[in-house]
Amino acid sequence: MDWMARIRFRVLAFLLGLTLAVLGTISLTALPAWPVVGVAFAAAAVAVNHMTSRLKAPVCHGCGVELPDEPPGAYGVVCAECGFVTLPMGALAADEEPVDEGEDEATA
C-alpha cells in the first residue's frame, strides 16, 4: 500500500468512525441532532486538515519522502527512493508558456 493510499484509508476510517459515533450519540442519548452534527463536522475538518497537512510540501506519493526542488518533467518528479513518479501540486512543465525567441519574418 503506497503512502497516498494509507492517508486516504486513515481519513476514511476516521470519518466512518466519527459518523458512527455521532449516530450512536444521537440515538442513545436523545440529544438534539444539530449541535452534535456541528461538533462532528468541526472535528472532521480539523482531523482531515491535520492528516493531510504533509501534502503541502512536495512529497512522494509512493513512500512519503520529501522530493528535491527540481522542476517537474512532463509526467512529474521521479522519487530517488522508490522510483514513483509524482506530479507535485503546482504548474507542469507542459503548462508553461513557450518562450518567444524573436519576431517572425511574417509578422515583422
N, C-alpha and C. Protein backbone atom coordinates (compact mmCIF):
# COMPACT_ATOMS: atom_id res chain seq x y z
N MET A 1 0.85 -1.16 0.00
CA MET A 1 0.00 0.00 0.00
C MET A 1 0.91 1.24 0.00
N ASP A 2 0.71 2.12 -0.98
CA ASP A 2 1.57 3.30 -1.05
C ASP A 2 1.12 4.36 -0.05
N TRP A 3 1.94 5.37 0.09
CA TRP A 3 1.75 6.40 1.12
C TRP A 3 0.43 7.15 0.95
N MET A 4 0.11 7.50 -0.28
CA MET A 4 -1.13 8.25 -0.54
C MET A 4 -2.35 7.41 -0.20
N ALA A 5 -2.31 6.12 -0.50
CA ALA A 5 -3.44 5.24 -0.19
C ALA A 5 -3.60 5.09 1.33
N ARG A 6 -2.49 5.06 2.07
CA ARG A 6 -2.58 4.97 3.53
C ARG A 6 -3.24 6.22 4.11
N ILE A 7 -2.91 7.40 3.57
CA ILE A 7 -3.54 8.63 4.05
C ILE A 7 -5.04 8.60 3.75
N ARG A 8 -5.40 8.19 2.55
CA ARG A 8 -6.83 8.10 2.21
C ARG A 8 -7.55 7.12 3.11
N PHE A 9 -6.92 5.99 3.41
CA PHE A 9 -7.54 4.99 4.27
C PHE A 9 -7.71 5.52 5.69
N ARG A 10 -6.72 6.24 6.21
CA ARG A 10 -6.83 6.80 7.56
C ARG A 10 -7.96 7.82 7.64
N VAL A 11 -8.06 8.68 6.62
CA VAL A 11 -9.12 9.70 6.61
C VAL A 11 -10.48 9.02 6.52
N LEU A 12 -10.59 8.02 5.65
CA LEU A 12 -11.86 7.30 5.52
C LEU A 12 -12.24 6.60 6.82
N ALA A 13 -11.28 5.94 7.45
CA ALA A 13 -11.56 5.23 8.70
C ALA A 13 -11.97 6.21 9.79
N PHE A 14 -11.29 7.35 9.88
CA PHE A 14 -11.65 8.34 10.90
C PHE A 14 -13.06 8.89 10.66
N LEU A 15 -13.37 9.25 9.43
CA LEU A 15 -14.69 9.82 9.14
C LEU A 15 -15.80 8.79 9.34
N LEU A 16 -15.53 7.54 9.00
CA LEU A 16 -16.53 6.49 9.23
C LEU A 16 -16.75 6.29 10.73
N GLY A 17 -15.68 6.24 11.50
CA GLY A 17 -15.81 6.10 12.94
C GLY A 17 -16.52 7.28 13.57
N LEU A 18 -16.21 8.49 13.10
CA LEU A 18 -16.88 9.69 13.61
C LEU A 18 -18.37 9.68 13.29
N THR A 19 -18.71 9.24 12.09
CA THR A 19 -20.12 9.17 11.70
C THR A 19 -20.87 8.17 12.58
N LEU A 20 -20.28 7.01 12.81
CA LEU A 20 -20.93 6.02 13.67
C LEU A 20 -21.05 6.52 15.11
N ALA A 21 -20.03 7.23 15.58
CA ALA A 21 -20.10 7.78 16.94
C ALA A 21 -21.20 8.83 17.06
N VAL A 22 -21.35 9.66 16.06
CA VAL A 22 -22.40 10.69 16.08
C VAL A 22 -23.77 10.05 16.05
N LEU A 23 -23.95 9.06 15.17
CA LEU A 23 -25.26 8.39 15.11
C LEU A 23 -25.57 7.68 16.42
N GLY A 24 -24.58 7.05 17.02
CA GLY A 24 -24.79 6.40 18.31
C GLY A 24 -25.12 7.38 19.41
N THR A 25 -24.41 8.52 19.42
CA THR A 25 -24.67 9.54 20.45
C THR A 25 -26.08 10.11 20.31
N ILE A 26 -26.49 10.39 19.10
CA ILE A 26 -27.83 10.95 18.89
C ILE A 26 -28.90 9.94 19.26
N SER A 27 -28.73 8.69 18.85
CA SER A 27 -29.78 7.70 19.10
C SER A 27 -29.84 7.23 20.55
N LEU A 28 -28.71 7.15 21.24
CA LEU A 28 -28.72 6.64 22.61
C LEU A 28 -29.03 7.69 23.66
N THR A 29 -28.65 8.92 23.42
CA THR A 29 -28.83 9.94 24.46
C THR A 29 -29.96 10.90 24.17
N ALA A 30 -30.57 10.80 23.03
CA ALA A 30 -31.69 11.67 22.64
C ALA A 30 -31.30 13.15 22.69
N LEU A 31 -30.03 13.44 22.37
CA LEU A 31 -29.60 14.84 22.27
C LEU A 31 -30.13 15.44 20.98
N PRO A 32 -30.33 16.75 20.96
CA PRO A 32 -30.70 17.38 19.69
C PRO A 32 -29.61 17.14 18.64
N ALA A 33 -30.02 16.88 17.43
CA ALA A 33 -29.07 16.43 16.40
C ALA A 33 -28.14 17.54 15.91
N TRP A 34 -28.62 18.77 15.76
CA TRP A 34 -27.80 19.82 15.13
C TRP A 34 -26.53 20.15 15.90
N PRO A 35 -26.56 20.29 17.22
CA PRO A 35 -25.29 20.56 17.92
C PRO A 35 -24.29 19.41 17.81
N VAL A 36 -24.78 18.19 17.85
CA VAL A 36 -23.88 17.03 17.74
C VAL A 36 -23.27 16.96 16.34
N VAL A 37 -24.09 17.21 15.34
CA VAL A 37 -23.59 17.21 13.96
C VAL A 37 -22.60 18.35 13.75
N GLY A 38 -22.86 19.51 14.33
CA GLY A 38 -21.94 20.64 14.19
C GLY A 38 -20.58 20.36 14.81
N VAL A 39 -20.58 19.77 16.00
CA VAL A 39 -19.31 19.42 16.65
C VAL A 39 -18.59 18.35 15.84
N ALA A 40 -19.33 17.38 15.30
CA ALA A 40 -18.71 16.34 14.49
C ALA A 40 -18.12 16.91 13.21
N PHE A 41 -18.80 17.86 12.59
CA PHE A 41 -18.29 18.48 11.38
C PHE A 41 -17.00 19.25 11.66
N ALA A 42 -16.97 19.97 12.77
CA ALA A 42 -15.75 20.70 13.14
C ALA A 42 -14.61 19.74 13.44
N ALA A 43 -14.90 18.65 14.13
CA ALA A 43 -13.86 17.65 14.42
C ALA A 43 -13.34 17.01 13.15
N ALA A 44 -14.24 16.74 12.21
CA ALA A 44 -13.82 16.15 10.93
C ALA A 44 -12.94 17.11 10.14
N ALA A 45 -13.29 18.39 10.13
CA ALA A 45 -12.49 19.37 9.39
C ALA A 45 -11.09 19.49 9.97
N VAL A 46 -11.00 19.53 11.30
CA VAL A 46 -9.68 19.64 11.94
C VAL A 46 -8.86 18.37 11.71
N ALA A 47 -9.49 17.21 11.80
CA ALA A 47 -8.76 15.95 11.64
C ALA A 47 -8.26 15.76 10.21
N VAL A 48 -9.11 16.05 9.23
CA VAL A 48 -8.69 15.90 7.84
C VAL A 48 -7.58 16.90 7.51
N ASN A 49 -7.67 18.11 8.03
CA ASN A 49 -6.61 19.10 7.82
C ASN A 49 -5.30 18.61 8.42
N HIS A 50 -5.37 18.03 9.61
CA HIS A 50 -4.17 17.55 10.28
C HIS A 50 -3.56 16.34 9.54
N MET A 51 -4.41 15.43 9.08
CA MET A 51 -3.91 14.23 8.41
C MET A 51 -3.30 14.53 7.05
N THR A 52 -3.78 15.56 6.38
CA THR A 52 -3.30 15.87 5.02
C THR A 52 -2.36 17.05 4.99
N SER A 53 -1.87 17.50 6.13
CA SER A 53 -1.00 18.69 6.14
C SER A 53 0.33 18.45 5.45
N ARG A 54 0.81 17.21 5.39
CA ARG A 54 2.08 16.94 4.72
C ARG A 54 1.98 17.06 3.22
N LEU A 55 0.79 17.12 2.67
CA LEU A 55 0.64 17.21 1.22
C LEU A 55 0.98 18.60 0.69
N LYS A 56 1.16 19.58 1.58
CA LYS A 56 1.52 20.93 1.14
C LYS A 56 2.94 20.95 0.57
N ALA A 57 3.84 20.21 1.17
CA ALA A 57 5.22 20.14 0.70
C ALA A 57 5.29 19.10 -0.42
N PRO A 58 6.24 19.24 -1.32
CA PRO A 58 6.36 18.23 -2.38
C PRO A 58 6.91 16.92 -1.81
N VAL A 59 6.05 15.93 -1.67
CA VAL A 59 6.43 14.63 -1.15
C VAL A 59 6.07 13.55 -2.17
N CYS A 60 6.77 12.45 -2.10
CA CYS A 60 6.49 11.31 -2.97
C CYS A 60 5.18 10.67 -2.54
N HIS A 61 4.30 10.42 -3.48
CA HIS A 61 3.02 9.79 -3.16
C HIS A 61 3.17 8.28 -2.99
N GLY A 62 4.35 7.75 -3.28
CA GLY A 62 4.58 6.32 -3.11
C GLY A 62 5.12 5.97 -1.74
N CYS A 63 6.11 6.75 -1.26
CA CYS A 63 6.74 6.38 0.01
C CYS A 63 6.72 7.50 1.05
N GLY A 64 6.38 8.74 0.68
CA GLY A 64 6.28 9.83 1.64
C GLY A 64 7.55 10.62 1.86
N VAL A 65 8.60 10.32 1.11
CA VAL A 65 9.87 11.04 1.24
C VAL A 65 9.74 12.40 0.55
N GLU A 66 10.35 13.43 1.14
CA GLU A 66 10.30 14.76 0.52
C GLU A 66 11.07 14.74 -0.79
N LEU A 67 10.49 15.36 -1.81
CA LEU A 67 11.13 15.41 -3.12
C LEU A 67 12.06 16.61 -3.20
N PRO A 68 13.12 16.49 -3.98
CA PRO A 68 14.03 17.63 -4.14
C PRO A 68 13.36 18.76 -4.90
N ASP A 69 13.96 19.91 -4.86
CA ASP A 69 13.42 21.10 -5.53
C ASP A 69 13.81 21.11 -7.00
N GLU A 70 13.43 20.08 -7.72
CA GLU A 70 13.71 20.00 -9.15
C GLU A 70 12.44 20.38 -9.91
N PRO A 71 12.61 20.99 -11.07
CA PRO A 71 11.40 21.26 -11.87
C PRO A 71 10.84 19.95 -12.40
N PRO A 72 9.53 19.80 -12.38
CA PRO A 72 8.94 18.54 -12.86
C PRO A 72 9.06 18.41 -14.37
N GLY A 73 9.18 17.20 -14.82
CA GLY A 73 9.18 16.92 -16.25
C GLY A 73 7.75 16.86 -16.77
N ALA A 74 7.57 16.20 -17.88
CA ALA A 74 6.24 16.10 -18.47
C ALA A 74 5.29 15.27 -17.61
N TYR A 75 5.83 14.30 -16.89
CA TYR A 75 4.99 13.42 -16.08
C TYR A 75 5.17 13.62 -14.59
N GLY A 76 6.06 14.50 -14.16
CA GLY A 76 6.28 14.75 -12.74
C GLY A 76 7.73 14.54 -12.35
N VAL A 77 7.95 14.39 -11.04
CA VAL A 77 9.28 14.20 -10.49
C VAL A 77 9.42 12.75 -10.07
N VAL A 78 10.56 12.14 -10.40
CA VAL A 78 10.82 10.75 -10.05
C VAL A 78 11.48 10.71 -8.67
N CYS A 79 10.92 9.91 -7.79
CA CYS A 79 11.47 9.76 -6.44
C CYS A 79 12.76 8.95 -6.50
N ALA A 80 13.79 9.44 -5.81
CA ALA A 80 15.07 8.74 -5.79
C ALA A 80 15.01 7.48 -4.93
N GLU A 81 14.09 7.42 -3.96
CA GLU A 81 14.00 6.28 -3.05
C GLU A 81 13.26 5.09 -3.68
N CYS A 82 12.07 5.35 -4.25
CA CYS A 82 11.25 4.22 -4.70
C CYS A 82 10.98 4.23 -6.21
N GLY A 83 11.29 5.31 -6.90
CA GLY A 83 11.08 5.38 -8.34
C GLY A 83 9.67 5.77 -8.74
N PHE A 84 8.83 6.13 -7.80
CA PHE A 84 7.45 6.53 -8.06
C PHE A 84 7.45 7.90 -8.73
N VAL A 85 6.66 8.08 -9.77
CA VAL A 85 6.56 9.37 -10.44
C VAL A 85 5.42 10.15 -9.80
N THR A 86 5.76 11.29 -9.22
CA THR A 86 4.79 12.11 -8.50
C THR A 86 4.63 13.43 -9.23
N LEU A 87 3.41 13.80 -9.46
CA LEU A 87 3.12 15.09 -10.05
C LEU A 87 2.87 16.07 -8.92
N PRO A 88 3.84 16.95 -8.62
CA PRO A 88 3.66 17.87 -7.50
C PRO A 88 2.57 18.89 -7.79
N MET A 89 1.99 19.41 -6.71
CA MET A 89 0.98 20.44 -6.87
C MET A 89 1.64 21.69 -7.42
N GLY A 90 1.04 22.30 -8.40
CA GLY A 90 1.63 23.49 -9.00
C GLY A 90 1.64 23.36 -10.50
N ALA A 91 2.45 24.15 -11.11
CA ALA A 91 2.49 24.20 -12.57
C ALA A 91 3.27 23.02 -13.14
N LEU A 92 2.81 22.53 -14.26
CA LEU A 92 3.50 21.49 -15.00
C LEU A 92 4.48 22.13 -15.97
N ALA A 93 5.44 21.34 -16.40
CA ALA A 93 6.38 21.84 -17.40
C ALA A 93 5.65 22.11 -18.71
N ALA A 94 4.64 21.31 -19.03
CA ALA A 94 3.90 21.48 -20.27
C ALA A 94 2.96 22.68 -20.21
N ASP A 95 2.62 23.16 -18.99
CA ASP A 95 1.72 24.30 -18.84
C ASP A 95 2.42 25.64 -19.00
N GLU A 96 3.74 25.63 -19.00
CA GLU A 96 4.46 26.89 -19.12
C GLU A 96 4.31 27.44 -20.53
N GLU A 97 4.26 28.75 -20.63
CA GLU A 97 4.12 29.37 -21.93
C GLU A 97 5.43 29.27 -22.69
N PRO A 98 5.36 29.06 -24.00
CA PRO A 98 6.60 28.96 -24.78
C PRO A 98 7.34 30.30 -24.80
N VAL A 99 8.63 30.21 -24.84
CA VAL A 99 9.46 31.40 -24.86
C VAL A 99 9.53 31.92 -26.28
N ASP A 100 9.24 33.19 -26.47
CA ASP A 100 9.30 33.81 -27.78
C ASP A 100 10.75 34.18 -28.07
N GLU A 101 11.32 33.55 -29.10
CA GLU A 101 12.74 33.76 -29.40
C GLU A 101 12.97 34.88 -30.40
N GLY A 102 12.02 35.69 -30.60
CA GLY A 102 12.19 36.79 -31.54
C GLY A 102 10.99 36.89 -32.45
N GLU A 103 10.99 37.92 -33.23
CA GLU A 103 9.86 38.12 -34.14
C GLU A 103 10.02 37.25 -35.37
N ASP A 104 8.91 36.76 -35.85
CA ASP A 104 8.90 36.00 -37.07
C ASP A 104 8.93 36.96 -38.25
N GLU A 105 9.51 36.53 -39.38
CA GLU A 105 9.61 37.43 -40.54
C GLU A 105 8.24 37.78 -41.09
N ALA A 106 7.27 36.87 -40.95
CA ALA A 106 5.94 37.14 -41.47
C ALA A 106 5.21 38.18 -40.65
N THR A 107 5.51 38.31 -39.35
CA THR A 107 4.83 39.28 -38.52
C THR A 107 5.57 40.61 -38.45
N ALA A 108 6.78 40.65 -38.96
CA ALA A 108 7.57 41.89 -38.89
C ALA A 108 7.21 42.88 -39.95
